[in-house]
Amino acid sequence: MAERTEGRQGTAGYVLHRTVVLVGMMGSGKTAIGRCLAQRLGVAYIDSDAEIEAAANATIGEIFARDGEPFFRDREAEVIARLLKSEPCVLSTGGGAYLAERNRAVISARGVAVLLDADLDLLWERVRHKDTRPLLRTANPRATLAEIFAARAPIYAKAELRVLADPAYSIDEMTDAVLEVLATRPDVLEPVT
């Protein structure tokens, strides 16, 4: 279910006009940064994967195993389009969501895509001990991650805004970096004077 926070003006002194859609690879920090950013802005934080799981009463891994990736991607597109019709919020998407042209189009029309750009070593460090990533259930998960990274990087580069993930950053510091980038777009994030 969606995690809702009342109000549009947060502690950072901004008003959010468009939904911020965090995109990037698994392990890039979309969930952690999304929660922190939503709290600072005083808006809802919504994880599209959690919304899909709640609607299907199944985990992403179970949906992949039972119905296949194409079925999952269709449900994902439906959920993202629905969520972008609501009040501006922070929306964290699954790693593959931004690959679909239909998702990129609706995100561009109703929100703003922010790429959390982490390098392969950082991503591997963050995901290597987790078994919740269906795409990494292979004989050589690091090689699989490298292949996925290489294939997706050019598409992620289409995001309107980009924030480089520094391994030394805390969640708060990375959120600060996202806010700085968002502040360059007054149509998205307006300072309150």
Protein backbone atom coordinates (compact mmCIF):
# COMPACT_ATOMS: atom_id res chain seq x y z
CA MET A 1 0.00 0.00 0.00
CA ALA A 2 1.05 3.58 -0.56
CA GLU A 3 2.81 5.33 2.26
CA ARG A 4 1.06 8.70 2.54
CA THR A 5 2.39 11.87 4.12
CA GLU A 6 0.04 14.83 4.46
CA GLY A 7 0.70 18.13 2.72
CA ARG A 8 2.70 19.27 -0.26
CA GLN A 9 5.12 21.60 1.50
CA GLY A 10 7.82 19.80 3.42
CA THR A 11 10.51 20.74 5.85
CA ALA A 12 12.85 21.73 3.02
CA GLY A 13 10.61 24.70 2.13
CA TYR A 14 9.50 23.52 -1.31
CA VAL A 15 6.25 22.89 -3.11
CA LEU A 16 6.19 19.89 -5.44
CA HIS A 17 4.27 20.50 -8.68
CA ARG A 18 4.99 17.25 -10.54
CA THR A 19 5.55 13.69 -9.39
CA VAL A 20 9.22 12.81 -9.01
CA VAL A 21 9.80 9.38 -10.53
CA LEU A 22 13.03 7.77 -9.38
CA VAL A 23 14.52 5.48 -12.00
CA GLY A 24 17.65 3.40 -12.17
CA MET A 25 19.12 -0.01 -11.66
CA MET A 26 18.25 -2.34 -8.81
CA GLY A 27 20.39 -1.22 -5.89
CA SER A 28 20.65 2.41 -7.02
CA GLY A 29 18.82 3.59 -3.90
CA LYS A 30 15.38 4.35 -5.27
CA THR A 31 13.53 3.11 -2.19
CA ALA A 32 15.77 4.64 0.48
CA ILE A 33 16.15 7.96 -1.32
CA GLY A 34 12.48 7.98 -2.28
CA ARG A 35 11.33 7.66 1.32
CA CYS A 36 13.71 10.34 2.54
CA LEU A 37 12.83 12.70 -0.31
CA ALA A 38 9.09 12.29 0.24
CA GLN A 39 9.49 12.99 3.94
CA ARG A 40 11.48 16.14 3.24
CA LEU A 41 8.96 17.37 0.68
CA GLY A 42 5.93 16.45 2.79
CA VAL A 43 4.37 14.31 0.07
CA ALA A 44 3.45 10.65 -0.35
CA TYR A 45 6.09 8.06 -1.10
CA ILE A 46 4.85 5.26 -3.34
CA ASP A 47 6.79 2.21 -4.52
CA SER A 48 5.32 0.90 -7.78
CA ASP A 49 6.54 -2.65 -7.03
CA ALA A 50 4.80 -2.59 -3.62
CA GLU A 51 1.60 -1.39 -5.30
CA ILE A 52 1.79 -4.25 -7.81
CA GLU A 53 2.43 -6.79 -5.04
CA ALA A 54 -0.52 -5.49 -3.03
CA ALA A 55 -2.86 -5.64 -6.04
CA ALA A 56 -1.71 -9.14 -7.01
CA ASN A 57 -1.38 -10.44 -3.44
CA ALA A 58 1.94 -11.91 -4.55
CA THR A 59 5.61 -10.91 -4.57
CA ILE A 60 7.33 -9.68 -7.71
CA GLY A 61 9.27 -12.96 -7.80
CA GLU A 62 6.05 -14.97 -7.59
CA ILE A 63 4.43 -12.91 -10.35
CA PHE A 64 7.49 -13.42 -12.59
CA ALA A 65 7.47 -17.19 -11.91
CA ARG A 66 3.72 -17.65 -12.26
CA ASP A 67 2.80 -15.23 -15.06
CA GLY A 68 6.09 -14.27 -16.74
CA GLU A 69 7.83 -10.96 -17.28
CA PRO A 70 5.54 -9.64 -20.08
CA PHE A 71 2.49 -10.00 -17.81
CA PHE A 72 4.35 -8.25 -14.99
CA ARG A 73 5.45 -5.39 -17.28
CA ASP A 74 1.84 -4.81 -18.39
CA ARG A 75 0.66 -4.58 -14.76
CA GLU A 76 3.60 -2.32 -13.96
CA ALA A 77 2.67 0.08 -16.79
CA GLU A 78 -0.95 0.19 -15.60
CA VAL A 79 0.08 0.95 -12.02
CA ILE A 80 2.57 3.67 -13.01
CA ALA A 81 0.01 5.39 -15.26
CA ARG A 82 -2.60 5.27 -12.46
CA LEU A 83 -0.20 6.62 -9.84
CA LEU A 84 0.87 9.50 -12.08
CA LYS A 85 -2.75 10.70 -12.22
CA SER A 86 -2.80 11.40 -8.48
CA GLU A 87 -1.37 14.27 -6.42
CA PRO A 88 2.35 14.98 -6.90
CA CYS A 89 4.39 12.49 -4.92
CA VAL A 90 7.68 10.63 -4.97
CA LEU A 91 7.34 7.44 -6.99
CA SER A 92 9.99 4.74 -6.90
CA THR A 93 9.86 2.35 -9.84
CA GLY A 94 11.30 -1.10 -10.42
CA GLY A 95 14.60 -1.26 -12.28
CA GLY A 96 12.97 -2.31 -15.56
CA ALA A 97 10.06 0.12 -15.55
CA TYR A 98 11.80 2.97 -17.37
CA LEU A 99 12.86 0.69 -20.22
CA ALA A 100 9.36 0.68 -21.71
CA GLU A 101 8.60 3.57 -24.05
CA ARG A 102 5.00 3.70 -22.74
CA ASN A 103 6.29 4.28 -19.21
CA ARG A 104 8.83 6.91 -20.30
CA ALA A 105 6.10 8.78 -22.19
CA VAL A 106 3.64 8.88 -19.29
CA ILE A 107 6.40 9.80 -16.82
CA SER A 108 7.52 12.68 -19.06
CA ALA A 109 3.93 13.88 -19.56
CA ARG A 110 2.89 13.81 -15.90
CA GLY A 111 6.06 13.81 -13.83
CA VAL A 112 9.82 14.06 -14.07
CA ALA A 113 12.26 11.17 -14.28
CA VAL A 114 15.29 11.37 -12.00
CA LEU A 115 18.01 8.82 -12.67
CA LEU A 116 19.90 7.65 -9.59
CA ASP A 117 23.08 6.83 -11.46
CA ALA A 118 25.19 4.28 -9.58
CA ASP A 119 28.15 2.44 -11.07
CA LEU A 120 28.33 -1.33 -11.38
CA ASP A 121 30.60 -1.88 -8.36
CA LEU A 122 28.28 0.05 -6.06
CA LEU A 123 25.21 -1.76 -7.41
CA TRP A 124 26.84 -5.16 -6.90
CA GLU A 125 27.86 -4.26 -3.35
CA ARG A 126 24.25 -3.36 -2.57
CA VAL A 127 22.47 -6.33 -4.21
CA ARG A 128 24.86 -9.26 -3.88
CA HIS A 129 23.53 -10.49 -0.53
CA LYS A 130 19.83 -10.19 -1.43
CA ASP A 131 17.80 -13.01 -2.92
CA THR A 132 14.79 -10.83 -3.74
CA ARG A 133 15.96 -9.94 -7.26
CA PRO A 134 14.37 -12.40 -9.72
CA LEU A 135 16.59 -11.28 -12.62
CA LEU A 136 19.73 -12.15 -10.63
CA ARG A 137 18.76 -15.76 -9.89
CA THR A 138 21.40 -17.05 -12.28
CA ALA A 139 24.62 -19.09 -12.06
CA ASN A 140 26.70 -15.90 -12.17
CA PRO A 141 24.63 -13.04 -10.75
CA ARG A 142 27.43 -10.44 -11.02
CA ALA A 143 27.87 -11.14 -14.72
CA THR A 144 24.09 -10.98 -15.13
CA LEU A 145 24.01 -7.64 -13.33
CA ALA A 146 26.79 -6.36 -15.62
CA GLU A 147 24.82 -7.44 -18.71
CA ILE A 148 21.63 -5.80 -17.44
CA PHE A 149 23.57 -2.64 -16.56
CA ALA A 150 25.16 -2.42 -20.03
CA ALA A 151 21.82 -2.94 -21.76
CA ARG A 152 19.89 -0.46 -19.62
CA ALA A 153 22.38 2.40 -19.20
CA PRO A 154 21.62 4.04 -22.59
CA ILE A 155 17.89 4.00 -21.85
CA TYR A 156 18.31 5.32 -18.30
CA ALA A 157 20.36 8.15 -19.83
CA LYS A 158 17.09 9.43 -21.36
CA ALA A 159 15.89 10.53 -17.90
CA GLU A 160 15.31 14.28 -17.70
CA LEU A 161 17.43 14.66 -14.57
CA ARG A 162 20.43 12.70 -13.28
CA VAL A 163 22.07 12.42 -9.88
CA LEU A 164 25.36 10.58 -9.55
CA ALA A 165 25.33 8.11 -6.64
CA ASP A 166 28.50 8.48 -4.63
CA PRO A 167 29.30 5.45 -2.43
CA ALA A 168 30.44 7.85 0.31
CA TYR A 169 27.05 9.59 0.47
CA SER A 170 24.64 8.90 3.29
CA ILE A 171 20.94 8.69 2.44
CA ASP A 172 20.54 12.29 3.60
CA GLU A 173 23.45 13.50 1.44
CA MET A 174 22.11 11.70 -1.62
CA THR A 175 18.67 13.20 -0.94
CA ASP A 176 20.32 16.64 -0.74
CA ALA A 177 21.86 16.00 -4.17
CA VAL A 178 18.46 15.02 -5.60
CA LEU A 179 16.87 18.18 -4.15
CA GLU A 180 19.62 20.31 -5.72
CA VAL A 181 18.93 18.81 -9.14
CA LEU A 182 15.16 19.13 -8.72
CA ALA A 183 15.57 22.79 -7.73
CA THR A 184 16.88 23.48 -11.25
CA ARG A 185 13.32 22.78 -12.46
CA PRO A 186 10.88 25.34 -10.97
CA ASP A 187 8.06 23.64 -12.91
CA VAL A 188 8.73 20.58 -10.72
CA LEU A 189 9.97 21.97 -7.40
CA GLU A 190 9.31 25.53 -6.32
CA PRO A 191 10.98 27.07 -3.27
CA VAL A 192 8.59 28.61 -0.77
CA THR A 193 9.58 32.17 0.13
